Amino acid sequence: QPPCVFVYELPARMNVLALKAEPGWPYYSHGPADYRAFKAMHISLLRSRHRTADPRRAAYFYVPTWDLHGSWGNPEVYLRAHRYVVTHFPYWNASRGADHIFTVTRDAAGCSTPWGSLWEPLRSSIVLSNWGGVTGLAGVPTERCFDARQSRRVPSVLNTSRP
């Protein structure tokens, strides 16, 4: 039996309504590149044979967060999703989040930015990010925001100009 992933269903106000509020921003776009690894990961897990509807069978838990502004912006979308999962489901507390997966495709991923850091709430989770750095944007090692033992780098910029 392959490992199964439970994909949380977050309230519409957290992801779906964000798309309606900003219809011109289905994902951050500049030229031929799109910051949309979060979208690709979410959709592929929804279609995956590894997905389970029964969280008791899950080896991993995916928290779908749609960061519509991509590279820069407030980390609130991640913090809100984290708070919701911790508050409404027992699975985070069972593992302290070690089996929870977030896709964070901001330029600094979970590191410090002028808007805040995701390090503290997500430090035990698996973070799929484009950053892979450990210092934040300032280059000063004030926090260990990427841990290669549990997190992975993924491409956040996909070239859509190729067929």
C-alpha atoms as a PDB file:
ATOM      1  CA  GLN A   1       0.000   0.000   0.000  1.00  0.00           C
ATOM      2  CA  PRO A   2       1.571   3.337  -1.056  1.00  0.00           C
ATOM      3  CA  PRO A   3       1.531   6.180   1.442  1.00  0.00           C
ATOM      4  CA  CYS A   4      -1.719   8.127   1.335  1.00  0.00           C
ATOM      5  CA  VAL A   5      -2.210  11.875   1.522  1.00  0.00           C
ATOM      6  CA  PHE A   6      -5.227  13.570   3.027  1.00  0.00           C
ATOM      7  CA  VAL A   7      -5.900  16.961   1.424  1.00  0.00           C
ATOM      8  CA  TYR A   8      -7.596  19.330   3.835  1.00  0.00           C
ATOM      9  CA  GLU A   9     -10.691  21.071   2.579  1.00  0.00           C
ATOM     10  CA  LEU A  10     -10.326  24.614   3.843  1.00  0.00           C
ATOM     11  CA  PRO A  11     -13.235  27.064   4.009  1.00  0.00           C
ATOM     12  CA  ALA A  12     -13.948  28.882   0.757  1.00  0.00           C
ATOM     13  CA  ARG A  13     -12.950  32.204   2.312  1.00  0.00           C
ATOM     14  CA  MET A  14      -9.364  30.984   2.534  1.00  0.00           C
ATOM     15  CA  ASN A  15      -8.726  30.023  -1.084  1.00  0.00           C
ATOM     16  CA  VAL A  16     -11.696  29.959  -3.448  1.00  0.00           C
ATOM     17  CA  LEU A  17     -13.103  33.340  -2.461  1.00  0.00           C
ATOM     18  CA  ALA A  18      -9.639  34.834  -2.747  1.00  0.00           C
ATOM     19  CA  LEU A  19      -9.759  33.980  -6.448  1.00  0.00           C
ATOM     20  CA  LYS A  20     -13.113  35.748  -6.778  1.00  0.00           C
ATOM     21  CA  ALA A  21     -11.874  38.790  -4.866  1.00  0.00           C
ATOM     22  CA  GLU A  22      -8.937  39.134  -7.257  1.00  0.00           C
ATOM     23  CA  PRO A  23     -10.082  37.662 -10.574  1.00  0.00           C
ATOM     24  CA  GLY A  24      -7.107  39.148 -12.402  1.00  0.00           C
ATOM     25  CA  TRP A  25      -4.690  37.325 -10.102  1.00  0.00           C
ATOM     26  CA  PRO A  26      -5.341  33.595 -10.523  1.00  0.00           C
ATOM     27  CA  TYR A  27      -1.623  33.345  -9.822  1.00  0.00           C
ATOM     28  CA  TYR A  28       1.221  35.840  -9.758  1.00  0.00           C
ATOM     29  CA  SER A  29       2.440  36.408 -13.284  1.00  0.00           C
ATOM     30  CA  HIS A  30       5.236  38.379 -14.852  1.00  0.00           C
ATOM     31  CA  GLY A  31       6.058  37.798 -18.492  1.00  0.00           C
ATOM     32  CA  PRO A  32       6.070  34.136 -19.539  1.00  0.00           C
ATOM     33  CA  ALA A  33       6.604  32.776 -16.009  1.00  0.00           C
ATOM     34  CA  ASP A  34       4.003  32.000 -13.371  1.00  0.00           C
ATOM     35  CA  TYR A  35       4.438  31.446  -9.658  1.00  0.00           C
ATOM     36  CA  ARG A  36       2.058  28.542  -9.385  1.00  0.00           C
ATOM     37  CA  ALA A  37       3.661  25.461  -7.843  1.00  0.00           C
ATOM     38  CA  PHE A  38       1.009  25.678  -5.097  1.00  0.00           C
ATOM     39  CA  LYS A  39      -1.720  25.335  -7.706  1.00  0.00           C
ATOM     40  CA  ALA A  40      -0.015  22.454  -9.540  1.00  0.00           C
ATOM     41  CA  MET A  41       0.622  20.575  -6.296  1.00  0.00           C
ATOM     42  CA  HIS A  42      -2.919  21.019  -5.008  1.00  0.00           C
ATOM     43  CA  ILE A  43      -4.571  19.928  -8.252  1.00  0.00           C
ATOM     44  CA  SER A  44      -2.240  16.962  -8.734  1.00  0.00           C
ATOM     45  CA  LEU A  45      -2.900  15.714  -5.193  1.00  0.00           C
ATOM     46  CA  LEU A  46      -6.652  16.030  -5.687  1.00  0.00           C
ATOM     47  CA  ARG A  47      -6.304  13.754  -8.729  1.00  0.00           C
ATOM     48  CA  SER A  48      -3.696  11.412  -7.261  1.00  0.00           C
ATOM     49  CA  ARG A  49      -4.230   7.726  -6.556  1.00  0.00           C
ATOM     50  CA  HIS A  50      -2.352   8.399  -3.305  1.00  0.00           C
ATOM     51  CA  ARG A  51      -5.091  10.710  -2.060  1.00  0.00           C
ATOM     52  CA  THR A  52      -7.379   9.400   0.656  1.00  0.00           C
ATOM     53  CA  ALA A  53     -10.669  10.801   1.868  1.00  0.00           C
ATOM     54  CA  ASP A  54     -10.120   9.068   5.210  1.00  0.00           C
ATOM     55  CA  PRO A  55      -7.618  11.022   7.321  1.00  0.00           C
ATOM     56  CA  ARG A  56      -7.101   7.974   9.557  1.00  0.00           C
ATOM     57  CA  ARG A  57      -5.432   6.206   6.610  1.00  0.00           C
ATOM     58  CA  ALA A  58      -3.179   9.129   5.773  1.00  0.00           C
ATOM     59  CA  ALA A  59       0.568   9.111   6.184  1.00  0.00           C
ATOM     60  CA  TYR A  60       0.670  12.790   5.186  1.00  0.00           C
ATOM     61  CA  PHE A  61      -1.659  15.779   5.353  1.00  0.00           C
ATOM     62  CA  TYR A  62      -1.574  18.463   2.660  1.00  0.00           C
ATOM     63  CA  VAL A  63      -2.620  22.002   3.592  1.00  0.00           C
ATOM     64  CA  PRO A  64      -3.662  23.762   0.360  1.00  0.00           C
ATOM     65  CA  THR A  65      -2.692  27.412   0.416  1.00  0.00           C
ATOM     66  CA  TRP A  66      -3.160  29.590  -2.646  1.00  0.00           C
ATOM     67  CA  ASP A  67      -0.747  32.507  -2.388  1.00  0.00           C
ATOM     68  CA  LEU A  68      -2.090  34.667  -5.183  1.00  0.00           C
ATOM     69  CA  HIS A  69       0.667  37.252  -4.950  1.00  0.00           C
ATOM     70  CA  GLY A  70       3.461  34.724  -5.280  1.00  0.00           C
ATOM     71  CA  SER A  71       6.904  36.089  -4.733  1.00  0.00           C
ATOM     72  CA  TRP A  72       6.129  38.953  -2.345  1.00  0.00           C
ATOM     73  CA  GLY A  73       3.340  39.460   0.052  1.00  0.00           C
ATOM     74  CA  ASN A  74       1.942  38.959   3.467  1.00  0.00           C
ATOM     75  CA  PRO A  75       2.306  35.391   4.815  1.00  0.00           C
ATOM     76  CA  GLU A  76      -1.186  35.625   6.315  1.00  0.00           C
ATOM     77  CA  VAL A  77      -2.653  33.051   3.901  1.00  0.00           C
ATOM     78  CA  TYR A  78      -0.323  30.410   5.382  1.00  0.00           C
ATOM     79  CA  LEU A  79      -0.790  31.534   8.968  1.00  0.00           C
ATOM     80  CA  ARG A  80      -4.586  31.464   8.599  1.00  0.00           C
ATOM     81  CA  ALA A  81      -4.517  27.949   7.098  1.00  0.00           C
ATOM     82  CA  HIS A  82      -2.203  26.770   9.880  1.00  0.00           C
ATOM     83  CA  ARG A  83      -4.489  28.198  12.588  1.00  0.00           C
ATOM     84  CA  TYR A  84      -7.549  26.631  10.969  1.00  0.00           C
ATOM     85  CA  VAL A  85      -5.995  23.153  10.732  1.00  0.00           C
ATOM     86  CA  VAL A  86      -4.677  23.276  14.303  1.00  0.00           C
ATOM     87  CA  THR A  87      -8.007  24.490  15.653  1.00  0.00           C
ATOM     88  CA  HIS A  88     -10.454  22.313  13.702  1.00  0.00           C
ATOM     89  CA  PHE A  89      -8.683  18.970  13.234  1.00  0.00           C
ATOM     90  CA  PRO A  90      -6.860  16.594  15.628  1.00  0.00           C
ATOM     91  CA  TYR A  91      -4.183  15.470  13.149  1.00  0.00           C
ATOM     92  CA  TRP A  92      -1.765  18.375  13.581  1.00  0.00           C
ATOM     93  CA  ASN A  93      -1.559  17.846  17.315  1.00  0.00           C
ATOM     94  CA  ALA A  94      -1.016  14.088  16.906  1.00  0.00           C
ATOM     95  CA  SER A  95       2.324  14.692  15.154  1.00  0.00           C
ATOM     96  CA  ARG A  96       3.011  18.346  16.000  1.00  0.00           C
ATOM     97  CA  GLY A  97       2.689  18.928  12.268  1.00  0.00           C
ATOM     98  CA  ALA A  98       5.585  16.663  11.228  1.00  0.00           C
ATOM     99  CA  ASP A  99       3.398  14.845   8.680  1.00  0.00           C
ATOM    100  CA  HIS A 100       1.844  18.037   7.297  1.00  0.00           C
ATOM    101  CA  ILE A 101       2.885  19.454   3.926  1.00  0.00           C
ATOM    102  CA  PHE A 102       2.745  23.092   2.824  1.00  0.00           C
ATOM    103  CA  THR A 103       3.735  24.466  -0.591  1.00  0.00           C
ATOM    104  CA  VAL A 104       5.252  27.897   0.015  1.00  0.00           C
ATOM    105  CA  THR A 105       6.226  29.588  -3.243  1.00  0.00           C
ATOM    106  CA  ARG A 106       7.203  32.999  -1.962  1.00  0.00           C
ATOM    107  CA  ASP A 107      10.656  34.293  -2.889  1.00  0.00           C
ATOM    108  CA  ALA A 108      11.828  33.786   0.694  1.00  0.00           C
ATOM    109  CA  ALA A 109       9.605  30.760   1.361  1.00  0.00           C
ATOM    110  CA  GLY A 110       9.282  30.419   5.144  1.00  0.00           C
ATOM    111  CA  CYS A 111      12.116  32.831   5.900  1.00  0.00           C
ATOM    112  CA  SER A 112      11.836  36.345   7.264  1.00  0.00           C
ATOM    113  CA  THR A 113      10.453  39.069   5.047  1.00  0.00           C
ATOM    114  CA  PRO A 114       9.302  42.572   5.909  1.00  0.00           C
ATOM    115  CA  TRP A 115       5.831  41.051   6.405  1.00  0.00           C
ATOM    116  CA  GLY A 116       6.814  38.283   8.762  1.00  0.00           C
ATOM    117  CA  SER A 117       8.111  34.753   8.939  1.00  0.00           C
ATOM    118  CA  LEU A 118       6.545  31.323   8.663  1.00  0.00           C
ATOM    119  CA  TRP A 119       9.370  29.612  10.509  1.00  0.00           C
ATOM    120  CA  GLU A 120       7.765  29.302  13.915  1.00  0.00           C
ATOM    121  CA  PRO A 121       4.367  27.830  12.962  1.00  0.00           C
ATOM    122  CA  LEU A 122       5.731  25.565  10.195  1.00  0.00           C
ATOM    123  CA  ARG A 123       9.087  24.521  11.639  1.00  0.00           C
ATOM    124  CA  SER A 124       8.091  20.900  12.198  1.00  0.00           C
ATOM    125  CA  SER A 125       6.216  20.565   8.888  1.00  0.00           C
ATOM    126  CA  ILE A 126       7.368  19.508   5.452  1.00  0.00           C
ATOM    127  CA  VAL A 127       7.704  22.675   3.397  1.00  0.00           C
ATOM    128  CA  LEU A 128       7.924  22.468  -0.379  1.00  0.00           C
ATOM    129  CA  SER A 129       9.534  25.733  -1.391  1.00  0.00           C
ATOM    130  CA  ASN A 130      11.399  27.409  -4.181  1.00  0.00           C
ATOM    131  CA  TRP A 131      13.850  29.064  -1.808  1.00  0.00           C
ATOM    132  CA  GLY A 132      16.070  26.483  -0.156  1.00  0.00           C
ATOM    133  CA  GLY A 133      17.913  29.253   1.673  1.00  0.00           C
ATOM    134  CA  VAL A 134      18.410  29.462   5.389  1.00  0.00           C
ATOM    135  CA  THR A 135      18.875  33.165   5.998  1.00  0.00           C
ATOM    136  CA  GLY A 136      15.871  35.131   4.801  1.00  0.00           C
ATOM    137  CA  LEU A 137      16.108  37.910   2.252  1.00  0.00           C
ATOM    138  CA  ALA A 138      18.584  39.975   4.270  1.00  0.00           C
ATOM    139  CA  GLY A 139      21.190  37.202   4.127  1.00  0.00           C
ATOM    140  CA  VAL A 140      21.592  37.216   7.890  1.00  0.00           C
ATOM    141  CA  PRO A 141      21.185  33.823   9.586  1.00  0.00           C
ATOM    142  CA  THR A 142      18.627  34.986  12.145  1.00  0.00           C
ATOM    143  CA  GLU A 143      16.513  31.874  11.802  1.00  0.00           C
ATOM    144  CA  ARG A 144      16.861  28.433  10.283  1.00  0.00           C
ATOM    145  CA  CYS A 145      13.987  28.626   7.843  1.00  0.00           C
ATOM    146  CA  PHE A 146      14.844  25.739   5.523  1.00  0.00           C
ATOM    147  CA  ASP A 147      15.768  22.333   6.825  1.00  0.00           C
ATOM    148  CA  ALA A 148      16.873  19.945   4.083  1.00  0.00           C
ATOM    149  CA  ARG A 149      16.167  16.968   6.361  1.00  0.00           C
ATOM    150  CA  GLN A 150      12.419  17.590   6.150  1.00  0.00           C
ATOM    151  CA  SER A 151      11.770  20.201   3.470  1.00  0.00           C
ATOM    152  CA  ARG A 152      12.261  20.075  -0.291  1.00  0.00           C
ATOM    153  CA  ARG A 153      12.935  22.578  -3.043  1.00  0.00           C
ATOM    154  CA  VAL A 154      10.477  22.639  -5.916  1.00  0.00           C
ATOM    155  CA  PRO A 155      10.331  24.911  -8.949  1.00  0.00           C
ATOM    156  CA  SER A 156       7.948  27.788  -8.370  1.00  0.00           C
ATOM    157  CA  VAL A 157       8.358  29.386 -11.749  1.00  0.00           C
ATOM    158  CA  LEU A 158       6.957  27.385 -14.620  1.00  0.00           C
ATOM    159  CA  ASN A 159       7.583  28.468 -18.184  1.00  0.00           C
ATOM    160  CA  THR A 160       4.199  28.499 -19.869  1.00  0.00           C
ATOM    161  CA  SER A 161       5.473  29.700 -23.218  1.00  0.00           C
ATOM    162  CA  ARG A 162       6.638  26.196 -24.160  1.00  0.00           C
ATOM    163  CA  PRO A 163       4.138  23.758 -25.661  1.00  0.00           C
END
